[in-house]
Protein backbone atom coordinates (compact mmCIF):
# COMPACT_ATOMS: atom_id res chain seq x y z
CA UNK A 1 -20.91 4.94 -12.07
CA UNK A 2 -17.58 3.22 -12.57
CA UNK A 3 -14.26 4.81 -11.79
CA UNK A 4 -11.44 3.89 -14.17
CA UNK A 5 -7.67 4.09 -14.48
CA UNK A 6 -4.72 2.46 -16.17
CA UNK A 7 -2.12 0.77 -13.99
CA UNK A 8 1.17 2.17 -15.20
CA UNK A 9 3.41 0.68 -12.52
CA UNK A 10 3.30 -1.62 -9.50
CA UNK A 11 5.49 -1.96 -6.43
CA UNK A 12 5.16 -4.59 -3.70
CA UNK A 13 7.06 -5.69 -0.59
CA UNK A 14 5.77 -8.37 1.75
CA UNK A 15 6.39 -11.81 3.23
CA UNK A 16 8.04 -13.82 0.45
CA UNK A 17 7.25 -11.03 -2.05
CA UNK A 18 10.37 -9.01 -2.79
CA UNK A 19 9.47 -6.63 -5.59
CA UNK A 20 6.90 -6.86 -8.37
CA UNK A 21 9.09 -8.73 -10.88
CA UNK A 22 9.46 -11.71 -8.54
CA UNK A 23 6.08 -11.42 -6.82
CA UNK A 24 4.10 -11.50 -10.04
CA UNK A 25 5.45 -14.97 -10.87
CA UNK A 26 4.19 -16.38 -7.57
CA UNK A 27 0.90 -14.47 -7.73
CA UNK A 28 0.22 -15.73 -11.26
CA UNK A 29 1.02 -19.32 -10.29
CA UNK A 30 4.04 -19.51 -12.58
CA UNK A 31 6.35 -20.06 -9.60
CA UNK A 32 5.70 -21.44 -6.10
CA UNK A 33 5.00 -19.00 -3.32
CA UNK A 34 7.70 -19.40 -0.65
CA UNK A 35 6.75 -17.74 2.66
CA UNK A 36 9.52 -15.74 4.30
CA UNK A 37 9.67 -12.80 6.71
CA UNK A 38 9.38 -9.43 5.01
CA UNK A 39 12.77 -7.97 4.05
CA UNK A 40 12.50 -4.18 4.29
CA UNK A 41 14.84 -2.33 1.92
CA UNK A 42 16.91 0.46 3.46
CA UNK A 43 15.44 3.88 2.51
CA UNK A 44 18.49 5.04 0.59
CA UNK A 45 16.61 7.98 -0.96
CA UNK A 46 16.44 9.67 2.45
CA UNK A 47 19.23 11.79 3.96
CA UNK A 48 21.18 10.00 6.67
CA UNK A 49 19.40 11.61 9.63
CA UNK A 50 15.90 10.80 8.35
CA UNK A 51 17.07 7.33 7.27
CA UNK A 52 17.93 6.51 10.89
CA UNK A 53 14.49 7.68 12.05
CA UNK A 54 12.46 5.87 9.40
CA UNK A 55 10.12 3.18 10.69
CA UNK A 56 8.69 0.18 8.87
CA UNK A 57 5.79 2.05 7.29
CA UNK A 58 8.12 4.69 5.86
CA UNK A 59 10.39 1.98 4.44
CA UNK A 60 7.40 0.19 2.89
CA UNK A 61 6.05 3.37 1.32
CA UNK A 62 9.40 4.43 -0.12
CA UNK A 63 10.33 1.00 -1.48
CA UNK A 64 7.01 0.31 -3.17
CA UNK A 65 6.39 3.87 -4.33
CA UNK A 66 9.79 4.22 -5.97
CA UNK A 67 9.43 0.81 -7.61
CA UNK A 68 6.01 1.70 -9.05
CA UNK A 69 7.08 5.11 -10.35
CA UNK A 70 10.25 3.69 -11.90
CA UNK A 71 8.22 1.02 -13.70
CA UNK A 72 5.81 3.68 -14.93
CA UNK A 73 8.58 6.01 -16.08
CA UNK A 74 7.15 8.79 -13.90
CA UNK A 75 8.92 11.42 -11.83
CA UNK A 76 7.88 10.77 -8.21
CA UNK A 77 8.38 14.45 -7.39
CA UNK A 78 5.53 15.39 -9.72
CA UNK A 79 2.83 13.01 -8.52
CA UNK A 80 -0.17 13.53 -6.29
CA UNK A 81 -0.21 10.75 -3.72
CA UNK A 82 -2.68 8.80 -1.59
CA UNK A 83 -1.27 7.04 1.48
CA UNK A 84 -3.46 4.36 3.08
CA UNK A 85 -2.78 2.42 6.28
CA UNK A 86 -5.04 0.79 8.84
CA UNK A 87 -3.05 1.85 11.86
CA UNK A 88 0.26 3.50 10.94
CA UNK A 89 3.53 2.88 12.81
CA UNK A 90 2.75 0.26 15.47
CA UNK A 91 6.27 0.12 16.92
CA UNK A 92 6.30 3.88 17.42
CA UNK A 93 2.87 3.74 19.05
CA UNK A 94 4.14 1.02 21.39
CA UNK A 95 7.19 3.09 22.37
CA UNK A 96 5.03 6.14 23.15
CA UNK A 97 2.69 4.03 25.27
CA UNK A 98 5.72 2.69 27.18
CA UNK A 99 6.96 6.24 27.80
CA UNK A 100 3.55 7.37 29.03
CA UNK A 101 3.41 4.38 31.39
CA UNK A 102 6.85 5.12 32.84
CA UNK A 103 7.74 7.39 35.78
CA UNK A 104 9.03 10.38 33.77
CA UNK A 105 6.37 10.25 30.95
CA UNK A 106 8.71 12.17 28.62
CA UNK A 107 8.14 11.53 24.90
CA UNK A 108 10.94 11.91 22.39
CA UNK A 109 10.27 14.66 19.80
CA UNK A 110 11.27 12.18 17.11
CA UNK A 111 8.75 9.66 18.43
CA UNK A 112 6.11 12.38 18.48
CA UNK A 113 6.56 13.53 14.89
CA UNK A 114 6.67 9.92 13.70
CA UNK A 115 3.42 9.16 15.52
CA UNK A 116 1.15 11.12 13.18
CA UNK A 117 -0.62 9.15 10.47
CA UNK A 118 0.81 11.26 7.66
CA UNK A 119 4.46 10.77 8.67
CA UNK A 120 5.22 8.54 5.62
CA UNK A 121 3.90 11.31 3.35
CA UNK A 122 6.39 13.72 4.93
CA UNK A 123 9.28 11.30 4.47
CA UNK A 124 8.17 10.70 0.87
CA UNK A 125 8.35 14.44 0.23
CA UNK A 126 11.82 14.62 1.76
CA UNK A 127 13.06 11.63 -0.27
CA UNK A 128 11.62 12.66 -3.64
CA UNK A 129 11.18 16.43 -3.45
CA UNK A 130 7.45 15.97 -4.05
CA UNK A 131 5.31 19.08 -3.52
CA UNK A 132 2.02 17.87 -5.02
CA UNK A 133 -0.95 17.20 -2.77
CA UNK A 134 -0.95 14.11 -0.53
CA UNK A 135 -3.96 12.46 1.13
CA UNK A 136 -3.57 10.10 4.10
CA UNK A 137 -6.41 7.66 4.76
CA UNK A 138 -7.25 5.10 7.44
CA UNK A 139 -10.32 2.86 7.28
CA UNK A 140 -9.24 -0.06 9.47
CA UNK A 141 -9.35 -3.30 7.42
CA UNK A 142 -10.87 -1.43 4.45
CA UNK A 143 -7.91 0.96 4.13
CA UNK A 144 -6.64 -0.38 0.79
CA UNK A 145 -10.10 -0.12 -0.77
CA UNK A 146 -10.63 3.36 0.66
CA UNK A 147 -7.25 4.47 -0.67
CA UNK A 148 -7.99 3.05 -4.12
CA UNK A 149 -11.34 4.87 -4.27
CA UNK A 150 -9.68 8.13 -3.23
CA UNK A 151 -6.96 7.74 -5.86
CA UNK A 152 -9.48 6.95 -8.60
CA UNK A 153 -11.70 9.88 -7.61
CA UNK A 154 -8.71 12.21 -7.68
CA UNK A 155 -7.78 10.89 -11.12
CA UNK A 156 -11.34 11.39 -12.36
CA UNK A 157 -11.20 15.03 -11.22
CA UNK A 158 -7.78 15.67 -12.81
CA UNK A 159 -7.32 13.02 -15.54
CA UNK A 160 -4.16 14.60 -16.92
CA UNK A 161 -2.29 14.11 -13.65
CA UNK A 162 -1.24 10.56 -12.66
CA UNK A 163 -1.80 9.52 -9.04
CA UNK A 164 0.31 7.24 -6.87
CA UNK A 165 -1.48 5.02 -4.33
CA UNK A 166 0.64 3.64 -1.49
CA UNK A 167 -0.89 1.19 1.01
CA UNK A 168 1.06 -0.40 3.86
CA UNK A 169 0.72 -2.01 7.27
CA UNK A 170 3.19 -3.25 9.85
CA UNK A 171 2.74 -5.25 13.07
CA UNK A 172 2.46 -3.97 16.62
CA UNK A 173 4.69 -5.39 19.35
CA UNK A 174 3.03 -7.11 22.29
CA UNK A 175 0.77 -6.46 24.12
CA UNK A 176 -0.93 -4.46 21.34
CA UNK A 177 -0.26 -7.30 18.91
CA UNK A 178 -2.61 -9.49 20.94
CA UNK A 179 -5.46 -7.05 20.29
CA UNK A 180 -4.49 -6.22 16.69
CA UNK A 181 -2.55 -9.23 15.33
CA UNK A 182 -0.98 -8.13 12.06
CA UNK A 183 1.52 -10.94 11.30
CA UNK A 184 4.12 -9.06 9.23
CA UNK A 185 4.78 -5.93 7.19
CA UNK A 186 3.25 -5.52 3.73
CA UNK A 187 3.18 -2.66 1.25
CA UNK A 188 1.86 -2.09 -2.26
CA UNK A 189 1.97 0.88 -4.60
CA UNK A 190 0.03 1.50 -7.81
CA UNK A 191 0.94 4.27 -10.25
CA UNK A 192 -2.38 5.12 -11.87
CA UNK A 193 -3.03 7.11 -15.03
CA UNK A 194 -6.05 8.24 -17.00
CA UNK A 195 -8.04 5.50 -18.79
CA UNK A 196 -6.98 6.76 -22.21
CA UNK A 197 -7.32 4.04 -24.87
CA UNK A 198 -3.96 5.08 -26.32
CA UNK A 199 -2.17 4.74 -22.98
CA UNK A 200 -0.27 1.66 -21.88
CA UNK A 201 -1.04 -0.51 -18.88
CA UNK A 202 -3.97 -2.65 -17.75
CA UNK A 203 -7.29 -0.83 -17.64
CA UNK A 204 -9.26 -1.03 -14.39
CA UNK A 205 -12.95 -0.27 -13.94
CA UNK A 206 -14.11 -0.15 -10.34
CA UNK A 207 -17.62 -0.26 -8.85
CA UNK A 208 -18.84 -0.45 -5.26
CA UNK A 209 -21.16 -3.47 -4.96
CA UNK A 210 -22.62 -5.82 -2.33
CA UNK A 211 -20.41 -8.90 -2.74
CA UNK A 212 -18.10 -11.27 -0.92
CA UNK A 213 -14.41 -10.50 -1.45
CA UNK A 214 -12.24 -12.79 -3.55
CA UNK A 215 -9.79 -15.08 -1.79
CA UNK A 216 -6.40 -16.49 -2.81
CA UNK A 217 -6.06 -20.14 -3.84
CA UNK A 218 -2.63 -20.54 -2.27
CA UNK A 219 -3.03 -20.99 1.52
CA UNK A 220 0.03 -18.88 2.38
CA UNK A 221 -1.16 -15.99 0.22
CA UNK A 222 -4.69 -16.25 1.60
CA UNK A 223 -3.27 -16.02 5.12
CA UNK A 224 -1.59 -12.76 4.11
CA UNK A 225 -4.76 -11.42 2.50
CA UNK A 226 -6.83 -12.19 5.57
CA UNK A 227 -4.25 -11.09 8.13
CA UNK A 228 -2.80 -7.82 6.79
CA UNK A 229 -5.16 -5.01 5.72
CA UNK A 230 -2.91 -3.74 2.91
CA UNK A 231 -2.74 -7.30 1.57
CA UNK A 232 -6.45 -7.14 0.75
CA UNK A 233 -4.94 -5.97 -2.54
CA UNK A 234 -3.60 -9.47 -3.34
CA UNK A 235 -6.52 -10.66 -5.53
CA UNK A 236 -6.10 -7.54 -7.67
CA UNK A 237 -2.34 -8.03 -7.83
CA UNK A 238 -2.85 -11.65 -8.85
CA UNK A 239 -5.17 -10.57 -11.66
CA UNK A 240 -2.64 -8.00 -12.86
CA UNK A 241 0.15 -10.59 -12.65
CA UNK A 242 -1.80 -13.00 -14.86
CA UNK A 243 -1.89 -10.51 -17.73
CA UNK A 244 -5.43 -11.67 -18.55
CA UNK A 245 -8.79 -9.94 -18.58
CA UNK A 246 -10.99 -10.72 -15.61
CA UNK A 247 -12.65 -9.36 -12.50
CA UNK A 248 -12.19 -9.65 -8.74
CA UNK A 249 -13.94 -8.30 -5.67
CA UNK A 250 -11.75 -6.55 -3.10
CA UNK A 251 -12.80 -6.36 0.55
CA UNK A 252 -14.25 -3.05 1.66
CA UNK A 253 -16.66 -2.06 4.45
CA UNK A 254 -19.23 -4.46 5.95
CA UNK A 255 -20.96 -6.34 3.10
CA UNK A 256 -19.62 -4.05 0.37
CA UNK A 257 -16.74 -4.82 -1.97
CA UNK A 258 -14.93 -3.12 -4.82
CA UNK A 259 -15.62 -5.03 -8.01
CA UNK A 260 -12.63 -4.48 -10.27
CA UNK A 261 -12.69 -5.43 -13.92
CA UNK A 262 -9.29 -5.52 -15.60
CA UNK A 263 -8.36 -5.73 -19.25
CA UNK A 264 -4.79 -5.81 -20.60
């Protein structure tokens, strides 16, 4: 049984990909992809105190989520959300490990509350006033696919209520980086609505199948796809950027993939 949705808005921040308007040109091959370190927008929607505490994952979630909801013309405060990340805030995890390895072993309360996997969901609620339900998912390298399935299942259960999917990953400092080498920060958000024929936005139909995942033709983009779990979304983003009908397979667990058919 296929799950379906319309993509009403997209947000993206990553290496050389600064917002959907610019990223779609490179992803569709209409402009060259120019690698560059990820530029994280300041989380201006947060109050000053929370803004100072926000880590990379929070900044990724806010930037991409607000871009996607603005493009969709949706009120972010009203949306159910699905947050997906392979490992959460690596820098915060590193700082806690350093504190535990020190002589006093005292952990900052701010570090502690930022250490939980659903911290970006809390900051999203503070920034937008959202009170709808929020799911937070981790499935290692399959986190984007798991988040997409969760968002589509939620939409199938409540088709009148749009769902916002936010997927993001950021690197660990050394020595954790040596064991889990995520090269840079990357985030993507999809505002998804019911697959109504009268609605606007590309229509997606998604099935779980045994298949090899699609790769990116551009070497720099393929390096991102292979190296950052949230960037497993790139083949889908490239298909959406092209504006054409087609299908791609997105990496999931083991030998399974999400086959996604898109039509404008």
